[in-house]
Amino acid sequence: MPDIYEVEDNYRPKPDDRRLIEEFRKNPIGHHSPDLQRLLNRLRSGPMADKYCLVVIKPSREWQLAKTSGVPGKPLKMLSQRFTRMDDAEWYVFRQRWKALTGETLR
């Protein structure tokens, strides 16, 4: 069994992994179960081009959604969406990365 911090390139979410969505939604920041950590590693390991990320606008108060260019040294593409709660921001990025990996839209 791989270490939970290793990324398994062939790992794809399974039907049972749907329980991990709710685990993340309830606790997007902090320690996660080994299964959720494995899923997060996979979601975060995608190609750098057009990857969603968050930019701190006001420390601990405001975050703005952005996308990476995938090109070292090229600036982020800042998007219009802003968040005043870190949990909301992290949940939004999780949903975008889930959709990119599975094609499924989460609400």
N, C-alpha and C. Protein backbone atom coordinates (compact mmCIF):
# COMPACT_ATOMS: atom_id res chain seq x y z
N MET A 1 0.84 -1.18 0.00
CA MET A 1 0.00 0.00 0.00
C MET A 1 0.89 1.25 0.00
N PRO A 2 0.61 2.21 -0.89
CA PRO A 2 1.45 3.40 -0.93
C PRO A 2 1.22 4.29 0.28
N ASP A 3 2.19 5.09 0.58
CA ASP A 3 2.07 6.09 1.63
C ASP A 3 0.94 7.04 1.23
N ILE A 4 0.16 7.53 2.20
CA ILE A 4 -0.97 8.41 1.85
C ILE A 4 -0.52 9.71 1.23
N TYR A 5 0.75 10.06 1.39
CA TYR A 5 1.23 11.32 0.82
C TYR A 5 1.78 11.14 -0.59
N GLU A 6 1.90 9.89 -1.04
CA GLU A 6 2.32 9.64 -2.41
C GLU A 6 1.10 9.79 -3.32
N VAL A 7 1.34 10.18 -4.54
CA VAL A 7 0.26 10.32 -5.51
C VAL A 7 0.26 9.10 -6.40
N GLU A 8 -0.90 8.47 -6.46
CA GLU A 8 -1.05 7.32 -7.34
C GLU A 8 -1.61 7.83 -8.66
N ASP A 9 -0.82 7.80 -9.73
CA ASP A 9 -1.25 8.33 -11.01
C ASP A 9 -2.50 7.65 -11.54
N ASN A 10 -2.66 6.37 -11.24
CA ASN A 10 -3.80 5.65 -11.78
C ASN A 10 -5.00 5.65 -10.83
N TYR A 11 -4.90 6.33 -9.70
CA TYR A 11 -6.00 6.36 -8.74
C TYR A 11 -7.17 7.15 -9.31
N ARG A 12 -8.33 6.55 -9.29
CA ARG A 12 -9.57 7.21 -9.70
C ARG A 12 -10.58 7.01 -8.57
N PRO A 13 -11.38 8.04 -8.29
CA PRO A 13 -12.39 7.88 -7.24
C PRO A 13 -13.33 6.71 -7.56
N LYS A 14 -13.69 6.00 -6.51
CA LYS A 14 -14.60 4.87 -6.62
C LYS A 14 -15.93 5.28 -6.00
N PRO A 15 -17.00 4.54 -6.27
CA PRO A 15 -18.30 4.91 -5.69
C PRO A 15 -18.25 5.11 -4.17
N ASP A 16 -17.48 4.29 -3.47
CA ASP A 16 -17.37 4.41 -2.02
C ASP A 16 -16.69 5.71 -1.59
N ASP A 17 -15.91 6.30 -2.48
CA ASP A 17 -15.21 7.55 -2.16
C ASP A 17 -16.15 8.73 -2.02
N ARG A 18 -17.40 8.57 -2.40
CA ARG A 18 -18.36 9.68 -2.27
C ARG A 18 -18.49 10.11 -0.81
N ARG A 19 -18.27 9.20 0.13
CA ARG A 19 -18.34 9.57 1.55
C ARG A 19 -17.25 10.59 1.90
N LEU A 20 -16.17 10.59 1.12
CA LEU A 20 -15.06 11.51 1.37
C LEU A 20 -15.41 12.94 0.99
N ILE A 21 -16.34 13.09 0.06
CA ILE A 21 -16.79 14.43 -0.33
C ILE A 21 -17.37 15.14 0.88
N GLU A 22 -18.25 14.45 1.58
CA GLU A 22 -18.88 15.05 2.76
C GLU A 22 -17.87 15.28 3.87
N GLU A 23 -16.93 14.37 4.03
CA GLU A 23 -15.88 14.56 5.04
C GLU A 23 -15.10 15.85 4.76
N PHE A 24 -14.76 16.08 3.50
CA PHE A 24 -14.02 17.29 3.16
C PHE A 24 -14.89 18.54 3.35
N ARG A 25 -16.15 18.46 2.90
CA ARG A 25 -17.04 19.62 3.01
C ARG A 25 -17.19 20.07 4.46
N LYS A 26 -17.26 19.10 5.37
CA LYS A 26 -17.41 19.42 6.79
C LYS A 26 -16.11 19.92 7.42
N ASN A 27 -14.97 19.51 6.87
CA ASN A 27 -13.67 19.88 7.45
C ASN A 27 -12.63 20.06 6.34
N PRO A 28 -12.71 21.18 5.61
CA PRO A 28 -11.80 21.35 4.48
C PRO A 28 -10.36 21.69 4.88
N ILE A 29 -10.15 22.13 6.10
CA ILE A 29 -8.83 22.55 6.53
C ILE A 29 -8.44 21.73 7.76
N GLY A 30 -7.23 21.22 7.76
CA GLY A 30 -6.76 20.47 8.91
C GLY A 30 -6.45 19.04 8.56
N HIS A 31 -6.47 18.19 9.59
CA HIS A 31 -6.15 16.78 9.40
C HIS A 31 -7.32 16.06 8.75
N HIS A 32 -6.98 15.11 7.87
CA HIS A 32 -7.99 14.33 7.17
C HIS A 32 -7.69 12.84 7.34
N SER A 33 -8.71 12.04 7.12
CA SER A 33 -8.52 10.59 7.18
C SER A 33 -7.54 10.18 6.08
N PRO A 34 -6.90 9.03 6.23
CA PRO A 34 -5.98 8.57 5.18
C PRO A 34 -6.65 8.46 3.81
N ASP A 35 -7.90 8.00 3.76
CA ASP A 35 -8.59 7.89 2.47
C ASP A 35 -8.83 9.26 1.85
N LEU A 36 -9.25 10.22 2.66
CA LEU A 36 -9.46 11.56 2.13
C LEU A 36 -8.12 12.18 1.71
N GLN A 37 -7.08 11.99 2.47
CA GLN A 37 -5.78 12.55 2.10
C GLN A 37 -5.32 11.98 0.77
N ARG A 38 -5.55 10.70 0.54
CA ARG A 38 -5.18 10.07 -0.74
C ARG A 38 -5.96 10.72 -1.89
N LEU A 39 -7.26 10.96 -1.68
CA LEU A 39 -8.08 11.61 -2.70
C LEU A 39 -7.59 13.04 -2.95
N LEU A 40 -7.31 13.78 -1.89
CA LEU A 40 -6.82 15.15 -2.05
C LEU A 40 -5.49 15.18 -2.79
N ASN A 41 -4.62 14.24 -2.48
CA ASN A 41 -3.34 14.18 -3.21
C ASN A 41 -3.60 14.01 -4.70
N ARG A 42 -4.55 13.17 -5.05
CA ARG A 42 -4.86 12.96 -6.47
C ARG A 42 -5.46 14.21 -7.09
N LEU A 43 -6.38 14.85 -6.40
CA LEU A 43 -7.00 16.06 -6.93
C LEU A 43 -5.97 17.17 -7.12
N ARG A 44 -5.01 17.23 -6.26
CA ARG A 44 -4.00 18.30 -6.31
C ARG A 44 -2.85 17.99 -7.25
N SER A 45 -2.80 16.78 -7.77
CA SER A 45 -1.65 16.38 -8.58
C SER A 45 -1.84 16.58 -10.08
N GLY A 46 -2.92 17.16 -10.49
CA GLY A 46 -3.18 17.33 -11.91
C GLY A 46 -2.18 18.25 -12.57
N PRO A 47 -2.28 18.37 -13.88
CA PRO A 47 -1.37 19.26 -14.61
C PRO A 47 -1.45 20.69 -14.08
N MET A 48 -0.34 21.40 -14.14
CA MET A 48 -0.29 22.76 -13.60
C MET A 48 -1.06 23.77 -14.45
N ALA A 49 -1.20 23.53 -15.73
CA ALA A 49 -1.92 24.47 -16.60
C ALA A 49 -3.41 24.50 -16.21
N ASP A 50 -3.92 25.69 -16.01
CA ASP A 50 -5.34 25.92 -15.70
C ASP A 50 -5.80 25.27 -14.39
N LYS A 51 -4.91 25.09 -13.45
CA LYS A 51 -5.28 24.54 -12.15
C LYS A 51 -5.83 25.67 -11.28
N TYR A 52 -6.99 25.42 -10.65
CA TYR A 52 -7.55 26.40 -9.73
C TYR A 52 -6.68 26.52 -8.49
N CYS A 53 -6.58 27.75 -8.00
CA CYS A 53 -5.85 28.01 -6.76
C CYS A 53 -6.47 29.23 -6.10
N LEU A 54 -6.01 29.51 -4.90
CA LEU A 54 -6.52 30.65 -4.14
C LEU A 54 -5.39 31.62 -3.86
N VAL A 55 -5.71 32.90 -3.93
CA VAL A 55 -4.75 33.95 -3.65
C VAL A 55 -5.28 34.75 -2.45
N VAL A 56 -4.43 34.93 -1.46
CA VAL A 56 -4.82 35.72 -0.29
C VAL A 56 -4.85 37.19 -0.68
N ILE A 57 -5.99 37.82 -0.50
CA ILE A 57 -6.14 39.25 -0.78
C ILE A 57 -5.96 40.04 0.51
N LYS A 58 -6.65 39.59 1.56
CA LYS A 58 -6.51 40.17 2.89
C LYS A 58 -6.29 38.99 3.84
N PRO A 59 -5.13 38.91 4.47
CA PRO A 59 -4.83 37.75 5.31
C PRO A 59 -5.96 37.39 6.28
N SER A 60 -6.36 36.13 6.23
CA SER A 60 -7.41 35.56 7.09
C SER A 60 -8.78 36.20 6.89
N ARG A 61 -8.94 36.99 5.81
CA ARG A 61 -10.23 37.66 5.61
C ARG A 61 -10.77 37.57 4.19
N GLU A 62 -9.90 37.48 3.19
CA GLU A 62 -10.41 37.47 1.82
C GLU A 62 -9.45 36.72 0.90
N TRP A 63 -10.05 35.86 0.04
CA TRP A 63 -9.30 35.06 -0.93
C TRP A 63 -9.92 35.24 -2.30
N GLN A 64 -9.09 35.22 -3.33
CA GLN A 64 -9.59 35.34 -4.70
C GLN A 64 -9.20 34.10 -5.48
N LEU A 65 -10.13 33.65 -6.29
CA LEU A 65 -9.90 32.48 -7.13
C LEU A 65 -8.98 32.87 -8.29
N ALA A 66 -8.08 31.96 -8.64
CA ALA A 66 -7.17 32.19 -9.76
C ALA A 66 -6.92 30.85 -10.44
N LYS A 67 -6.28 30.92 -11.61
CA LYS A 67 -5.85 29.72 -12.32
C LYS A 67 -4.37 29.87 -12.65
N THR A 68 -3.67 28.76 -12.56
CA THR A 68 -2.26 28.77 -12.90
C THR A 68 -2.10 28.72 -14.42
N SER A 69 -0.96 29.20 -14.88
CA SER A 69 -0.69 29.18 -16.32
C SER A 69 -0.03 27.88 -16.74
N GLY A 70 0.67 27.26 -15.83
CA GLY A 70 1.43 26.07 -16.17
C GLY A 70 2.81 26.39 -16.73
N VAL A 71 3.11 27.67 -16.84
CA VAL A 71 4.39 28.11 -17.38
C VAL A 71 5.16 28.81 -16.25
N PRO A 72 6.31 28.29 -15.85
CA PRO A 72 7.08 28.93 -14.79
C PRO A 72 7.34 30.41 -15.10
N GLY A 73 7.08 31.25 -14.10
CA GLY A 73 7.32 32.67 -14.25
C GLY A 73 6.16 33.45 -14.84
N LYS A 74 5.19 32.76 -15.45
CA LYS A 74 4.03 33.45 -16.00
C LYS A 74 3.01 33.65 -14.88
N PRO A 75 2.44 34.85 -14.78
CA PRO A 75 1.55 35.14 -13.66
C PRO A 75 0.26 34.31 -13.69
N LEU A 76 -0.36 34.25 -12.52
CA LEU A 76 -1.67 33.61 -12.40
C LEU A 76 -2.71 34.41 -13.16
N LYS A 77 -3.76 33.73 -13.59
CA LYS A 77 -4.91 34.41 -14.17
C LYS A 77 -5.92 34.61 -13.04
N MET A 78 -6.08 35.85 -12.63
CA MET A 78 -7.00 36.15 -11.54
C MET A 78 -8.43 36.10 -12.06
N LEU A 79 -9.29 35.42 -11.34
CA LEU A 79 -10.70 35.31 -11.69
C LEU A 79 -11.51 36.22 -10.80
N SER A 80 -12.75 36.47 -11.14
CA SER A 80 -13.54 37.46 -10.42
C SER A 80 -14.05 36.97 -9.06
N GLN A 81 -14.18 35.69 -8.85
CA GLN A 81 -14.77 35.16 -7.62
C GLN A 81 -13.88 35.39 -6.41
N ARG A 82 -14.48 35.94 -5.37
CA ARG A 82 -13.79 36.17 -4.10
C ARG A 82 -14.57 35.50 -2.98
N PHE A 83 -13.85 35.19 -1.90
CA PHE A 83 -14.44 34.50 -0.76
C PHE A 83 -14.03 35.22 0.52
N THR A 84 -14.94 35.24 1.49
CA THR A 84 -14.63 35.83 2.78
C THR A 84 -14.51 34.75 3.86
N ARG A 85 -14.72 33.49 3.48
CA ARG A 85 -14.53 32.35 4.38
C ARG A 85 -13.62 31.36 3.70
N MET A 86 -12.54 30.98 4.37
CA MET A 86 -11.58 30.03 3.80
C MET A 86 -12.26 28.69 3.51
N ASP A 87 -13.16 28.25 4.38
CA ASP A 87 -13.87 26.98 4.14
C ASP A 87 -14.62 27.01 2.82
N ASP A 88 -15.30 28.12 2.53
CA ASP A 88 -16.03 28.25 1.27
C ASP A 88 -15.08 28.22 0.07
N ALA A 89 -13.96 28.89 0.22
CA ALA A 89 -12.98 28.94 -0.86
C ALA A 89 -12.42 27.54 -1.15
N GLU A 90 -12.05 26.82 -0.10
CA GLU A 90 -11.50 25.47 -0.26
C GLU A 90 -12.54 24.52 -0.84
N TRP A 91 -13.79 24.63 -0.41
CA TRP A 91 -14.86 23.78 -0.93
C TRP A 91 -15.07 24.05 -2.42
N TYR A 92 -15.02 25.32 -2.81
CA TYR A 92 -15.19 25.66 -4.22
C TYR A 92 -14.08 25.02 -5.06
N VAL A 93 -12.84 25.15 -4.64
CA VAL A 93 -11.72 24.58 -5.39
C VAL A 93 -11.83 23.05 -5.43
N PHE A 94 -12.22 22.44 -4.32
CA PHE A 94 -12.41 20.98 -4.30
C PHE A 94 -13.42 20.58 -5.38
N ARG A 95 -14.54 21.28 -5.43
CA ARG A 95 -15.57 20.93 -6.43
C ARG A 95 -15.06 21.08 -7.85
N GLN A 96 -14.27 22.12 -8.11
CA GLN A 96 -13.74 22.32 -9.46
C GLN A 96 -12.77 21.20 -9.82
N ARG A 97 -11.92 20.82 -8.89
CA ARG A 97 -10.95 19.76 -9.16
C ARG A 97 -11.63 18.40 -9.29
N TRP A 98 -12.68 18.16 -8.49
CA TRP A 98 -13.45 16.93 -8.61
C TRP A 98 -14.06 16.83 -10.01
N LYS A 99 -14.64 17.92 -10.47
CA LYS A 99 -15.26 17.93 -11.80
C LYS A 99 -14.21 17.66 -12.89
N ALA A 100 -13.04 18.26 -12.74
CA ALA A 100 -11.96 18.05 -13.73
C ALA A 100 -11.53 16.59 -13.76
N LEU A 101 -11.53 15.93 -12.61
CA LEU A 101 -11.08 14.54 -12.54
C LEU A 101 -12.17 13.55 -12.94
N THR A 102 -13.42 13.82 -12.54
CA THR A 102 -14.49 12.84 -12.73
C THR A 102 -15.53 13.24 -13.77
N GLY A 103 -15.62 14.53 -14.08
CA GLY A 103 -16.67 15.02 -14.96
C GLY A 103 -17.98 15.30 -14.24
N GLU A 104 -18.02 15.02 -12.94
CA GLU A 104 -19.22 15.19 -12.14
C GLU A 104 -19.24 16.55 -11.46
N THR A 105 -20.37 17.23 -11.52
CA THR A 105 -20.54 18.51 -10.85
C THR A 105 -21.12 18.28 -9.45
N LEU A 106 -20.43 18.76 -8.44
CA LEU A 106 -20.91 18.68 -7.06
C LEU A 106 -21.61 19.98 -6.71
N ARG A 107 -22.59 19.89 -5.88
CA ARG A 107 -23.33 21.09 -5.41
C ARG A 107 -22.89 21.48 -4.04
